[in-house]
N, C-alpha and C. Protein backbone atom coordinates (compact mmCIF):
# COMPACT_ATOMS: atom_id res chain seq x y z
N MET A 1 53.16 35.12 48.25
CA MET A 1 52.09 34.38 48.86
C MET A 1 52.55 33.47 49.94
N SER A 2 51.89 33.38 51.09
CA SER A 2 52.28 32.63 52.20
C SER A 2 52.12 31.08 51.87
N ASN A 3 52.82 30.28 52.60
CA ASN A 3 52.70 28.90 52.48
C ASN A 3 51.28 28.41 52.69
N GLU A 4 50.69 29.05 53.75
CA GLU A 4 49.28 28.74 54.06
C GLU A 4 48.34 28.91 52.96
N ALA A 5 48.48 30.18 52.34
CA ALA A 5 47.63 30.56 51.27
C ALA A 5 47.87 29.66 50.03
N GLU A 6 49.15 29.33 49.80
CA GLU A 6 49.52 28.47 48.66
C GLU A 6 48.90 27.18 48.82
N ASN A 7 49.08 26.57 50.09
CA ASN A 7 48.50 25.26 50.32
C ASN A 7 46.94 25.22 50.21
N SER A 8 46.40 26.37 50.64
CA SER A 8 44.96 26.55 50.52
C SER A 8 44.48 26.47 49.05
N GLY A 9 45.26 27.26 48.18
CA GLY A 9 44.98 27.29 46.75
C GLY A 9 45.08 25.87 46.14
N VAL A 10 46.12 25.24 46.46
CA VAL A 10 46.35 23.86 45.92
C VAL A 10 45.24 22.95 46.33
N SER A 11 44.82 23.08 47.60
CA SER A 11 43.75 22.26 48.16
C SER A 11 42.41 22.53 47.41
N SER A 12 42.19 23.78 47.13
CA SER A 12 40.95 24.19 46.44
C SER A 12 40.96 23.61 45.03
N VAL A 13 42.00 23.71 44.30
CA VAL A 13 42.10 23.15 42.98
C VAL A 13 41.91 21.63 42.98
N LYS A 14 42.52 20.97 43.97
CA LYS A 14 42.34 19.50 44.04
C LYS A 14 40.89 19.16 44.36
N THR A 15 40.22 20.01 45.22
CA THR A 15 38.84 19.77 45.50
C THR A 15 37.90 19.96 44.22
N LEU A 16 38.22 21.05 43.50
CA LEU A 16 37.44 21.26 42.23
C LEU A 16 37.65 20.14 41.24
N GLN A 17 38.92 19.66 41.12
CA GLN A 17 39.21 18.53 40.26
C GLN A 17 38.43 17.30 40.67
N SER A 18 38.42 17.10 41.98
CA SER A 18 37.71 15.92 42.51
C SER A 18 36.18 16.04 42.23
N ILE A 19 35.64 17.20 42.53
CA ILE A 19 34.20 17.42 42.20
C ILE A 19 33.94 17.18 40.70
N SER A 20 34.78 17.75 39.89
CA SER A 20 34.62 17.61 38.43
C SER A 20 34.58 16.15 38.03
N LYS A 21 35.51 15.39 38.59
CA LYS A 21 35.55 13.98 38.28
C LYS A 21 34.25 13.20 38.69
N VAL A 22 33.76 13.62 39.85
CA VAL A 22 32.58 13.00 40.39
C VAL A 22 31.36 13.31 39.51
N GLN A 23 31.32 14.60 39.12
CA GLN A 23 30.22 15.07 38.22
C GLN A 23 30.27 14.29 36.91
N LYS A 24 31.48 14.26 36.31
CA LYS A 24 31.55 13.52 35.07
C LYS A 24 31.13 12.09 35.25
N SER A 25 31.60 11.49 36.30
CA SER A 25 31.25 10.04 36.58
C SER A 25 29.67 9.87 36.70
N ASP A 26 29.10 10.76 37.46
CA ASP A 26 27.68 10.74 37.66
C ASP A 26 26.94 10.92 36.34
N ILE A 27 27.43 11.88 35.51
CA ILE A 27 26.80 12.14 34.20
C ILE A 27 26.89 10.91 33.30
N MET A 28 28.10 10.32 33.27
CA MET A 28 28.30 9.11 32.41
C MET A 28 27.44 7.95 32.96
N GLY A 29 27.43 7.86 34.23
CA GLY A 29 26.59 6.79 34.89
C GLY A 29 25.10 6.95 34.59
N GLY A 30 24.71 8.18 34.56
CA GLY A 30 23.29 8.51 34.24
C GLY A 30 23.02 8.20 32.86
N LEU A 31 23.90 8.52 31.88
CA LEU A 31 23.62 8.22 30.49
C LEU A 31 23.55 6.72 30.30
N LEU A 32 24.44 6.01 30.96
CA LEU A 32 24.43 4.54 30.73
C LEU A 32 23.14 3.97 31.15
N LYS A 33 22.39 4.53 32.08
CA LYS A 33 21.20 4.00 32.54
C LYS A 33 19.89 4.42 31.74
N VAL A 34 20.07 5.34 30.81
CA VAL A 34 18.94 5.84 30.04
C VAL A 34 18.39 4.77 29.20
N LYS A 35 17.01 4.62 29.27
CA LYS A 35 16.38 3.60 28.46
C LYS A 35 15.49 4.12 27.35
N GLN A 36 15.14 5.41 27.45
CA GLN A 36 14.35 6.05 26.44
C GLN A 36 14.93 7.38 26.04
N LEU A 37 15.12 7.58 24.79
CA LEU A 37 15.66 8.87 24.18
C LEU A 37 14.79 9.32 23.08
N SER A 38 14.16 10.39 23.25
CA SER A 38 13.22 10.84 22.19
C SER A 38 13.64 12.29 21.81
N ALA A 39 14.09 12.47 20.59
CA ALA A 39 14.53 13.80 20.13
C ALA A 39 13.92 14.13 18.78
N GLY A 40 12.67 13.75 18.62
CA GLY A 40 12.02 14.09 17.36
C GLY A 40 11.67 15.55 17.14
N SER A 41 11.55 15.91 15.89
CA SER A 41 11.09 17.24 15.55
C SER A 41 11.84 18.35 16.27
N ASN A 42 13.16 18.32 16.12
CA ASN A 42 14.05 19.28 16.77
C ASN A 42 14.97 19.97 15.83
N GLN A 43 14.77 19.79 14.51
CA GLN A 43 15.64 20.42 13.46
C GLN A 43 17.11 19.96 13.63
N LEU A 44 17.32 18.80 14.13
CA LEU A 44 18.74 18.27 14.25
C LEU A 44 19.25 17.91 12.83
N SER A 45 20.47 18.14 12.64
CA SER A 45 21.07 17.94 11.28
C SER A 45 22.44 17.25 11.39
N GLY A 46 23.05 17.02 10.22
CA GLY A 46 24.40 16.28 10.29
C GLY A 46 24.20 14.85 10.31
N SER A 47 25.23 14.14 10.76
CA SER A 47 25.21 12.77 10.77
C SER A 47 24.64 12.23 12.12
N ILE A 48 24.07 11.01 12.04
CA ILE A 48 23.58 10.41 13.28
C ILE A 48 24.88 9.77 13.92
N SER A 49 25.13 10.12 15.11
CA SER A 49 26.36 9.74 15.76
C SER A 49 26.35 8.25 16.13
N SER A 50 27.45 7.50 15.81
CA SER A 50 27.62 6.15 16.20
C SER A 50 27.74 6.04 17.77
N HIS A 51 27.99 7.20 18.41
CA HIS A 51 28.19 7.22 19.89
C HIS A 51 26.90 6.90 20.64
N PHE A 52 25.74 7.04 19.96
CA PHE A 52 24.47 6.68 20.66
C PHE A 52 24.59 5.23 21.27
N ALA A 53 25.13 4.37 20.50
CA ALA A 53 25.15 2.96 21.07
C ALA A 53 26.22 2.77 22.16
N LEU A 54 27.18 3.70 22.17
CA LEU A 54 28.21 3.64 23.25
C LEU A 54 27.72 4.35 24.54
N LEU A 55 27.03 5.52 24.33
CA LEU A 55 26.65 6.29 25.42
C LEU A 55 25.34 5.77 26.07
N PHE A 56 24.50 5.12 25.28
CA PHE A 56 23.24 4.67 25.77
C PHE A 56 23.07 3.13 25.43
N PRO A 57 23.84 2.31 26.03
CA PRO A 57 23.80 0.92 25.65
C PRO A 57 22.57 0.12 26.05
N TYR A 58 21.77 0.73 26.92
CA TYR A 58 20.58 0.05 27.42
C TYR A 58 19.26 0.63 26.87
N LEU A 59 19.35 1.36 25.80
CA LEU A 59 18.24 1.99 25.22
C LEU A 59 17.20 0.95 24.85
N GLU A 60 15.92 1.23 25.19
CA GLU A 60 14.77 0.44 24.70
C GLU A 60 13.99 1.20 23.67
N LEU A 61 14.08 2.53 23.69
CA LEU A 61 13.39 3.34 22.74
C LEU A 61 14.30 4.45 22.24
N LEU A 62 14.47 4.59 20.94
CA LEU A 62 15.22 5.64 20.33
C LEU A 62 14.41 6.28 19.25
N SER A 63 14.10 7.59 19.40
CA SER A 63 13.24 8.23 18.38
C SER A 63 13.95 9.53 18.02
N LEU A 64 14.36 9.50 16.80
CA LEU A 64 15.07 10.70 16.09
C LEU A 64 14.26 11.19 14.90
N ASP A 65 12.99 10.93 14.92
CA ASP A 65 12.14 11.28 13.67
C ASP A 65 12.03 12.74 13.46
N SER A 66 11.69 13.09 12.16
CA SER A 66 11.33 14.41 11.81
C SER A 66 12.38 15.44 12.15
N ASN A 67 13.61 15.07 11.77
CA ASN A 67 14.70 16.03 11.89
C ASN A 67 15.31 16.22 10.48
N LYS A 68 16.55 16.62 10.39
CA LYS A 68 17.22 16.86 9.09
C LYS A 68 18.52 16.17 9.04
N PHE A 69 18.56 14.97 9.57
CA PHE A 69 19.84 14.18 9.49
C PHE A 69 20.13 13.81 8.05
N ASN A 70 21.43 13.86 7.74
CA ASN A 70 21.93 13.49 6.47
C ASN A 70 23.02 12.39 6.70
N SER A 71 22.58 11.18 6.72
CA SER A 71 23.45 10.18 7.31
C SER A 71 22.98 8.78 6.92
N THR A 72 23.88 7.80 7.03
CA THR A 72 23.49 6.43 6.97
C THR A 72 23.04 5.99 8.39
N ILE A 73 22.51 4.87 8.56
CA ILE A 73 22.16 4.29 9.87
C ILE A 73 23.34 3.65 10.41
N PRO A 74 23.88 4.10 11.54
CA PRO A 74 25.13 3.55 12.09
C PRO A 74 25.02 2.07 12.28
N GLU A 75 26.09 1.37 11.89
CA GLU A 75 26.17 -0.11 11.98
C GLU A 75 26.01 -0.58 13.44
N ASN A 76 26.59 0.22 14.36
CA ASN A 76 26.67 -0.24 15.76
C ASN A 76 25.32 -0.06 16.53
N PHE A 77 24.25 0.42 15.82
CA PHE A 77 22.95 0.31 16.38
C PHE A 77 22.59 -1.07 16.69
N GLY A 78 23.22 -1.98 15.93
CA GLY A 78 22.93 -3.48 16.07
C GLY A 78 23.37 -3.99 17.46
N SER A 79 24.24 -3.15 18.22
CA SER A 79 24.66 -3.69 19.47
C SER A 79 23.64 -3.28 20.60
N LEU A 80 22.60 -2.52 20.29
CA LEU A 80 21.69 -2.09 21.31
C LEU A 80 20.70 -3.30 21.57
N SER A 81 21.09 -4.18 22.38
CA SER A 81 20.41 -5.47 22.54
C SER A 81 19.06 -5.32 23.20
N ASP A 82 18.78 -4.19 23.93
CA ASP A 82 17.48 -4.05 24.57
C ASP A 82 16.44 -3.25 23.67
N LEU A 83 16.93 -2.82 22.53
CA LEU A 83 16.12 -1.93 21.74
C LEU A 83 14.82 -2.55 21.27
N LYS A 84 13.72 -1.91 21.50
CA LYS A 84 12.42 -2.41 21.19
C LYS A 84 11.69 -1.45 20.17
N TRP A 85 12.08 -0.19 20.18
CA TRP A 85 11.41 0.88 19.39
C TRP A 85 12.46 1.70 18.74
N LEU A 86 12.57 1.73 17.38
CA LEU A 86 13.49 2.55 16.65
C LEU A 86 12.72 3.45 15.64
N ASP A 87 12.81 4.67 15.79
CA ASP A 87 12.05 5.62 14.87
C ASP A 87 13.07 6.61 14.29
N LEU A 88 13.34 6.40 12.99
CA LEU A 88 14.24 7.33 12.29
C LEU A 88 13.50 7.97 11.06
N SER A 89 12.20 7.98 11.16
CA SER A 89 11.40 8.31 10.02
C SER A 89 11.44 9.83 9.69
N SER A 90 11.04 10.19 8.50
CA SER A 90 10.88 11.56 8.10
C SER A 90 12.04 12.43 8.29
N ASN A 91 13.23 11.98 7.88
CA ASN A 91 14.46 12.77 7.92
C ASN A 91 14.83 13.11 6.53
N GLU A 92 14.27 12.57 5.47
CA GLU A 92 14.47 12.85 4.12
C GLU A 92 15.85 12.47 3.54
N TYR A 93 16.86 12.73 4.38
CA TYR A 93 18.25 12.47 3.85
C TYR A 93 18.99 11.31 4.53
N ILE A 94 18.24 10.53 5.32
CA ILE A 94 18.90 9.30 5.77
C ILE A 94 18.90 8.33 4.57
N HIS A 95 20.04 7.87 4.26
CA HIS A 95 20.30 7.14 3.00
C HIS A 95 21.08 5.85 3.22
N GLY A 96 21.35 5.15 2.13
CA GLY A 96 22.11 3.91 2.19
C GLY A 96 21.28 2.69 2.37
N ASP A 97 21.86 1.55 2.37
CA ASP A 97 21.14 0.32 2.51
C ASP A 97 20.80 0.06 4.01
N LEU A 98 19.84 -0.74 4.25
CA LEU A 98 19.52 -1.12 5.59
C LEU A 98 20.76 -1.83 6.16
N PRO A 99 21.29 -1.45 7.31
CA PRO A 99 22.55 -1.98 7.83
C PRO A 99 22.37 -3.45 8.25
N ASN A 100 23.32 -4.27 7.75
CA ASN A 100 23.30 -5.69 8.09
C ASN A 100 23.37 -5.91 9.65
N ALA A 101 24.11 -5.04 10.31
CA ALA A 101 24.31 -5.16 11.72
C ALA A 101 22.99 -5.05 12.54
N LEU A 102 22.06 -4.25 11.96
CA LEU A 102 20.74 -4.09 12.57
C LEU A 102 19.96 -5.33 12.48
N PHE A 103 20.13 -6.13 11.43
CA PHE A 103 19.28 -7.26 11.09
C PHE A 103 20.05 -8.63 11.36
N ARG A 104 20.93 -8.90 10.40
CA ARG A 104 21.62 -10.21 10.40
C ARG A 104 22.56 -10.35 11.63
N GLY A 105 23.35 -9.33 11.81
CA GLY A 105 24.28 -9.39 12.94
C GLY A 105 23.71 -8.73 14.14
N GLY A 106 24.56 -8.33 15.03
CA GLY A 106 24.18 -7.47 16.16
C GLY A 106 23.46 -8.33 17.19
N ASN A 107 23.01 -7.63 18.25
CA ASN A 107 22.47 -8.26 19.45
C ASN A 107 20.91 -8.02 19.52
N ILE A 108 20.37 -7.25 18.63
CA ILE A 108 18.92 -6.91 18.75
C ILE A 108 18.10 -8.17 18.45
N THR A 109 17.29 -8.53 19.32
CA THR A 109 16.35 -9.71 19.08
C THR A 109 15.00 -9.42 19.36
N SER A 110 14.64 -8.35 20.06
CA SER A 110 13.28 -8.07 20.49
C SER A 110 12.69 -6.80 19.99
N LEU A 111 13.15 -6.36 18.77
CA LEU A 111 12.66 -5.12 18.18
C LEU A 111 11.17 -5.37 17.83
N SER A 112 10.36 -4.44 18.28
CA SER A 112 8.90 -4.57 18.04
C SER A 112 8.36 -3.50 17.11
N TYR A 113 8.99 -2.28 17.11
CA TYR A 113 8.50 -1.17 16.31
C TYR A 113 9.62 -0.55 15.53
N LEU A 114 9.54 -0.61 14.25
CA LEU A 114 10.63 -0.10 13.40
C LEU A 114 10.00 0.87 12.30
N TYR A 115 10.35 2.11 12.48
CA TYR A 115 9.83 3.22 11.59
C TYR A 115 10.90 3.86 10.82
N LEU A 116 11.00 3.58 9.59
CA LEU A 116 12.10 4.08 8.74
C LEU A 116 11.50 4.89 7.51
N GLN A 117 10.30 5.10 7.51
CA GLN A 117 9.58 5.75 6.38
C GLN A 117 10.04 7.19 6.07
N ALA A 118 9.79 7.55 4.84
CA ALA A 118 10.08 8.97 4.34
C ALA A 118 11.48 9.33 4.54
N ASN A 119 12.37 8.42 4.01
CA ASN A 119 13.83 8.74 3.89
C ASN A 119 14.29 8.45 2.48
N LYS A 120 15.61 8.16 2.33
CA LYS A 120 16.10 7.75 1.05
C LYS A 120 16.82 6.45 1.11
N LEU A 121 16.38 5.49 1.88
CA LEU A 121 16.97 4.25 2.05
C LEU A 121 16.87 3.42 0.72
N THR A 122 17.95 2.70 0.44
CA THR A 122 18.06 1.92 -0.83
C THR A 122 18.30 0.40 -0.46
N GLY A 123 18.45 -0.37 -1.47
CA GLY A 123 18.73 -1.80 -1.25
C GLY A 123 17.53 -2.65 -1.17
N ARG A 124 17.55 -3.89 -0.63
CA ARG A 124 16.48 -4.81 -0.63
C ARG A 124 16.02 -5.13 0.79
N LEU A 125 14.79 -5.53 0.88
CA LEU A 125 14.25 -6.07 2.10
C LEU A 125 14.49 -7.58 1.97
N GLU A 126 15.47 -8.12 2.72
CA GLU A 126 15.79 -9.53 2.58
C GLU A 126 15.06 -10.29 3.68
N GLY A 127 14.57 -11.48 3.26
CA GLY A 127 13.84 -12.27 4.22
C GLY A 127 14.71 -12.75 5.39
N ASP A 128 15.99 -13.02 5.12
CA ASP A 128 16.79 -13.50 6.23
C ASP A 128 17.18 -12.30 7.15
N GLN A 129 17.12 -11.08 6.70
CA GLN A 129 17.32 -9.93 7.51
C GLN A 129 16.25 -9.83 8.59
N LEU A 130 15.02 -10.07 8.13
CA LEU A 130 13.84 -9.79 8.95
C LEU A 130 13.44 -10.94 9.78
N SER A 131 13.96 -12.18 9.47
CA SER A 131 13.42 -13.34 10.10
C SER A 131 13.79 -13.37 11.62
N LYS A 132 14.85 -12.70 12.04
CA LYS A 132 15.23 -12.72 13.43
C LYS A 132 14.18 -12.03 14.32
N PHE A 133 13.37 -11.25 13.70
CA PHE A 133 12.28 -10.50 14.41
C PHE A 133 10.91 -11.15 14.17
N ALA A 134 10.95 -12.39 13.74
CA ALA A 134 9.70 -13.10 13.34
C ALA A 134 8.62 -13.09 14.45
N GLU A 135 9.11 -13.14 15.73
CA GLU A 135 8.15 -13.19 16.84
C GLU A 135 8.00 -11.87 17.57
N SER A 136 8.95 -10.90 17.35
CA SER A 136 8.80 -9.67 18.10
C SER A 136 8.22 -8.53 17.30
N LEU A 137 8.46 -8.47 16.04
CA LEU A 137 8.04 -7.23 15.25
C LEU A 137 6.56 -7.14 15.11
N THR A 138 6.00 -5.97 15.49
CA THR A 138 4.56 -5.80 15.41
C THR A 138 4.25 -4.66 14.37
N GLN A 139 5.16 -3.70 14.18
CA GLN A 139 4.95 -2.71 13.20
C GLN A 139 6.23 -2.39 12.40
N LEU A 140 6.09 -2.40 11.08
CA LEU A 140 7.21 -2.10 10.16
C LEU A 140 6.73 -1.13 9.17
N TRP A 141 7.28 0.10 9.18
CA TRP A 141 6.98 1.13 8.23
C TRP A 141 8.24 1.50 7.49
N VAL A 142 8.34 1.15 6.23
CA VAL A 142 9.41 1.48 5.34
C VAL A 142 8.98 2.18 4.08
N ASN A 143 7.74 2.63 4.14
CA ASN A 143 7.20 3.28 2.94
C ASN A 143 7.90 4.59 2.53
N ASP A 144 7.83 5.04 1.32
CA ASP A 144 8.36 6.25 0.85
C ASP A 144 9.92 6.25 1.02
N ASN A 145 10.53 5.26 0.46
CA ASN A 145 11.92 5.18 0.35
C ASN A 145 12.30 4.79 -1.14
N LEU A 146 13.46 4.20 -1.31
CA LEU A 146 13.96 3.86 -2.68
C LEU A 146 14.30 2.30 -2.68
N LEU A 147 13.59 1.49 -1.88
CA LEU A 147 13.92 0.15 -1.72
C LEU A 147 13.47 -0.67 -3.04
N THR A 148 14.25 -1.67 -3.35
CA THR A 148 14.06 -2.34 -4.58
C THR A 148 13.95 -3.88 -4.40
N GLY A 149 13.85 -4.64 -5.46
CA GLY A 149 13.81 -6.10 -5.35
C GLY A 149 12.47 -6.67 -5.03
N SER A 150 12.40 -7.94 -4.65
CA SER A 150 11.10 -8.56 -4.25
C SER A 150 10.83 -8.37 -2.80
N ILE A 151 9.56 -8.39 -2.47
CA ILE A 151 9.13 -8.28 -1.11
C ILE A 151 9.05 -9.75 -0.56
N PRO A 152 9.65 -9.93 0.58
CA PRO A 152 9.74 -11.30 1.19
C PRO A 152 8.41 -11.78 1.71
N ASP A 153 7.51 -12.23 0.86
CA ASP A 153 6.13 -12.55 1.27
C ASP A 153 6.12 -13.61 2.34
N GLU A 154 6.86 -14.71 2.16
CA GLU A 154 6.79 -15.79 3.13
C GLU A 154 7.27 -15.34 4.53
N THR A 155 8.36 -14.50 4.53
CA THR A 155 8.87 -14.02 5.83
C THR A 155 7.81 -13.18 6.52
N PHE A 156 7.19 -12.28 5.87
CA PHE A 156 6.17 -11.38 6.52
C PHE A 156 5.02 -12.24 7.01
N ALA A 157 4.66 -13.26 6.26
CA ALA A 157 3.52 -14.14 6.63
C ALA A 157 3.88 -14.93 7.89
N SER A 158 5.16 -15.14 8.17
CA SER A 158 5.58 -16.00 9.29
C SER A 158 5.69 -15.12 10.56
N MET A 159 5.58 -13.86 10.47
CA MET A 159 5.66 -12.95 11.61
C MET A 159 4.39 -12.99 12.43
N THR A 160 4.46 -13.68 13.44
CA THR A 160 3.14 -13.99 14.24
C THR A 160 2.48 -12.79 14.84
N ASN A 161 3.31 -11.72 15.08
CA ASN A 161 2.64 -10.53 15.77
C ASN A 161 2.62 -9.31 14.90
N LEU A 162 2.99 -9.43 13.63
CA LEU A 162 2.99 -8.27 12.76
C LEU A 162 1.59 -7.81 12.45
N ASN A 163 1.21 -6.57 12.80
CA ASN A 163 -0.10 -6.13 12.52
C ASN A 163 -0.17 -4.86 11.62
N GLU A 164 1.00 -4.21 11.48
CA GLU A 164 1.02 -3.05 10.57
C GLU A 164 2.21 -3.12 9.69
N LEU A 165 2.03 -3.04 8.41
CA LEU A 165 3.10 -3.13 7.41
C LEU A 165 2.89 -2.14 6.32
N TYR A 166 3.78 -1.20 6.25
CA TYR A 166 3.71 -0.14 5.25
C TYR A 166 4.91 -0.23 4.30
N LEU A 167 4.62 -0.51 3.05
CA LEU A 167 5.65 -0.74 2.06
C LEU A 167 5.46 0.22 0.82
N HIS A 168 4.44 0.95 0.77
CA HIS A 168 4.13 1.70 -0.48
C HIS A 168 5.11 2.78 -0.81
N ASN A 169 5.10 3.19 -2.08
CA ASN A 169 5.97 4.25 -2.58
C ASN A 169 7.47 3.88 -2.45
N ASN A 170 7.78 2.71 -2.91
CA ASN A 170 9.17 2.23 -3.10
C ASN A 170 9.38 1.81 -4.55
N LEU A 171 10.40 1.13 -4.83
CA LEU A 171 10.68 0.70 -6.23
C LEU A 171 10.74 -0.82 -6.25
N PHE A 172 9.87 -1.49 -5.53
CA PHE A 172 9.82 -2.92 -5.55
C PHE A 172 9.43 -3.45 -6.81
N ASP A 173 9.76 -4.76 -7.13
CA ASP A 173 9.36 -5.38 -8.36
C ASP A 173 7.85 -5.30 -8.55
N SER A 174 7.46 -4.95 -9.75
CA SER A 174 6.06 -4.89 -10.07
C SER A 174 5.50 -6.26 -10.24
N GLN A 175 4.18 -6.37 -10.32
CA GLN A 175 3.44 -7.62 -10.53
C GLN A 175 3.82 -8.64 -9.34
N GLU A 176 4.07 -8.09 -8.18
CA GLU A 176 4.44 -9.01 -7.06
C GLU A 176 3.14 -9.49 -6.38
N SER A 177 3.10 -10.77 -6.20
CA SER A 177 1.95 -11.35 -5.52
C SER A 177 2.30 -11.53 -4.07
N LEU A 178 1.40 -11.03 -3.19
CA LEU A 178 1.61 -10.98 -1.77
C LEU A 178 0.49 -11.65 -0.99
N THR A 179 0.04 -12.80 -1.57
CA THR A 179 -1.09 -13.44 -0.98
C THR A 179 -0.88 -13.83 0.47
N LEU A 180 0.27 -14.37 0.80
CA LEU A 180 0.48 -14.87 2.17
C LEU A 180 0.52 -13.67 3.14
N THR A 181 1.20 -12.58 2.71
CA THR A 181 1.31 -11.43 3.58
C THR A 181 -0.03 -10.84 3.91
N CYS A 182 -0.88 -10.72 2.85
CA CYS A 182 -2.14 -10.04 3.01
C CYS A 182 -3.03 -10.95 3.94
N GLU A 183 -2.90 -12.22 3.86
CA GLU A 183 -3.67 -13.11 4.69
C GLU A 183 -3.29 -13.07 6.17
N ALA A 184 -1.92 -12.80 6.37
CA ALA A 184 -1.39 -12.90 7.77
C ALA A 184 -1.39 -11.59 8.49
N VAL A 185 -1.17 -10.49 7.77
CA VAL A 185 -1.01 -9.15 8.47
C VAL A 185 -2.37 -8.47 8.63
N THR A 186 -2.61 -7.90 9.77
CA THR A 186 -3.87 -7.28 10.08
C THR A 186 -4.06 -6.03 9.20
N GLN A 187 -3.06 -5.20 9.08
CA GLN A 187 -3.24 -3.99 8.30
C GLN A 187 -2.05 -3.88 7.34
N PRO A 188 -2.13 -4.56 6.19
CA PRO A 188 -1.01 -4.60 5.24
C PRO A 188 -1.16 -3.43 4.25
N PHE A 189 -0.62 -2.32 4.52
CA PHE A 189 -0.67 -1.15 3.64
C PHE A 189 0.55 -1.27 2.66
N LEU A 190 0.31 -2.01 1.56
CA LEU A 190 1.37 -2.42 0.70
C LEU A 190 1.66 -1.48 -0.44
N SER A 191 0.66 -0.83 -0.85
CA SER A 191 0.90 0.05 -2.02
C SER A 191 -0.12 1.14 -2.01
N SER A 192 0.27 2.37 -2.48
CA SER A 192 -0.59 3.43 -2.60
C SER A 192 -1.43 3.39 -3.88
N ASP A 193 -1.07 2.52 -4.74
CA ASP A 193 -1.75 2.39 -6.06
C ASP A 193 -1.59 0.93 -6.47
N CYS A 194 -2.66 0.29 -6.65
CA CYS A 194 -2.65 -1.12 -7.00
C CYS A 194 -1.91 -1.41 -8.33
N SER A 195 -1.87 -0.43 -9.20
CA SER A 195 -1.13 -0.67 -10.48
C SER A 195 0.36 -0.35 -10.37
N GLN A 196 0.79 0.15 -9.18
CA GLN A 196 2.20 0.59 -9.03
C GLN A 196 2.74 -0.17 -7.84
N ASP A 197 4.08 -0.40 -7.85
CA ASP A 197 4.81 -1.14 -6.83
C ASP A 197 4.37 -2.63 -6.83
N VAL A 198 3.19 -2.92 -6.42
CA VAL A 198 2.78 -4.32 -6.22
C VAL A 198 1.34 -4.45 -6.60
N ILE A 199 0.99 -5.65 -6.93
CA ILE A 199 -0.41 -5.96 -7.11
C ILE A 199 -0.72 -7.03 -6.00
N CYS A 200 -1.59 -6.63 -5.11
CA CYS A 200 -1.83 -7.62 -4.03
C CYS A 200 -3.37 -7.91 -4.01
N PRO A 201 -3.70 -9.08 -3.49
CA PRO A 201 -5.10 -9.48 -3.57
C PRO A 201 -5.95 -8.83 -2.49
N CYS A 202 -5.41 -7.99 -1.65
CA CYS A 202 -6.20 -7.38 -0.62
C CYS A 202 -6.28 -5.87 -0.74
N CYS A 203 -6.33 -5.43 -2.01
CA CYS A 203 -6.34 -3.98 -2.19
C CYS A 203 -7.44 -3.21 -1.50
N GLU A 204 -8.62 -3.85 -1.52
CA GLU A 204 -9.75 -3.17 -0.92
C GLU A 204 -9.54 -2.98 0.59
N GLU A 205 -8.80 -3.91 1.19
CA GLU A 205 -8.53 -3.74 2.58
C GLU A 205 -7.34 -2.74 2.86
N CYS A 206 -6.49 -2.63 1.84
CA CYS A 206 -5.23 -1.85 2.08
C CYS A 206 -5.54 -0.38 2.01
N PHE A 207 -6.56 0.05 1.29
CA PHE A 207 -6.67 1.46 0.98
C PHE A 207 -8.00 2.00 1.52
């Protein structure tokens, strides 16, 4: 091979490498700017990657509903400081406790819509977990899970913009009085059966 041809080949390789680097940079830069990611009803399976929070740090909407994920909710979702809408509903095999980082810790402060229904989430709905969203949360759907303990009546009642609350078909303490919640929330769908889960004074409005 002549020196000219050899130099030409080296130059071409360097050019391709340069183009590749630019493309990768552009792709990564594009991902970083993404604000909405909707991948519902796509038969996705396996674990929910913790890389979502790293690849899409400016997400305002993340919808992964109606897939087949078998996973806990990644702790670093709590770092998505701009997140306003999170939908992980109807995956059936999303399990584990509600992550502390999503509520107590983390940087999320303006979450408005949280849909976690129809999974296998366990643990308790703690008032101090939810209180950071007292002014932002408008809809909370956690029905059809395995949540236990008491329902934080006073916390829900203090949420000034909460208008839809779905808690039915869990394992909450029975004989629970939710007077404050029923008075404060526009559509408190608390139980699918007034004799099960909870007894609330607004049953006629709930069902």
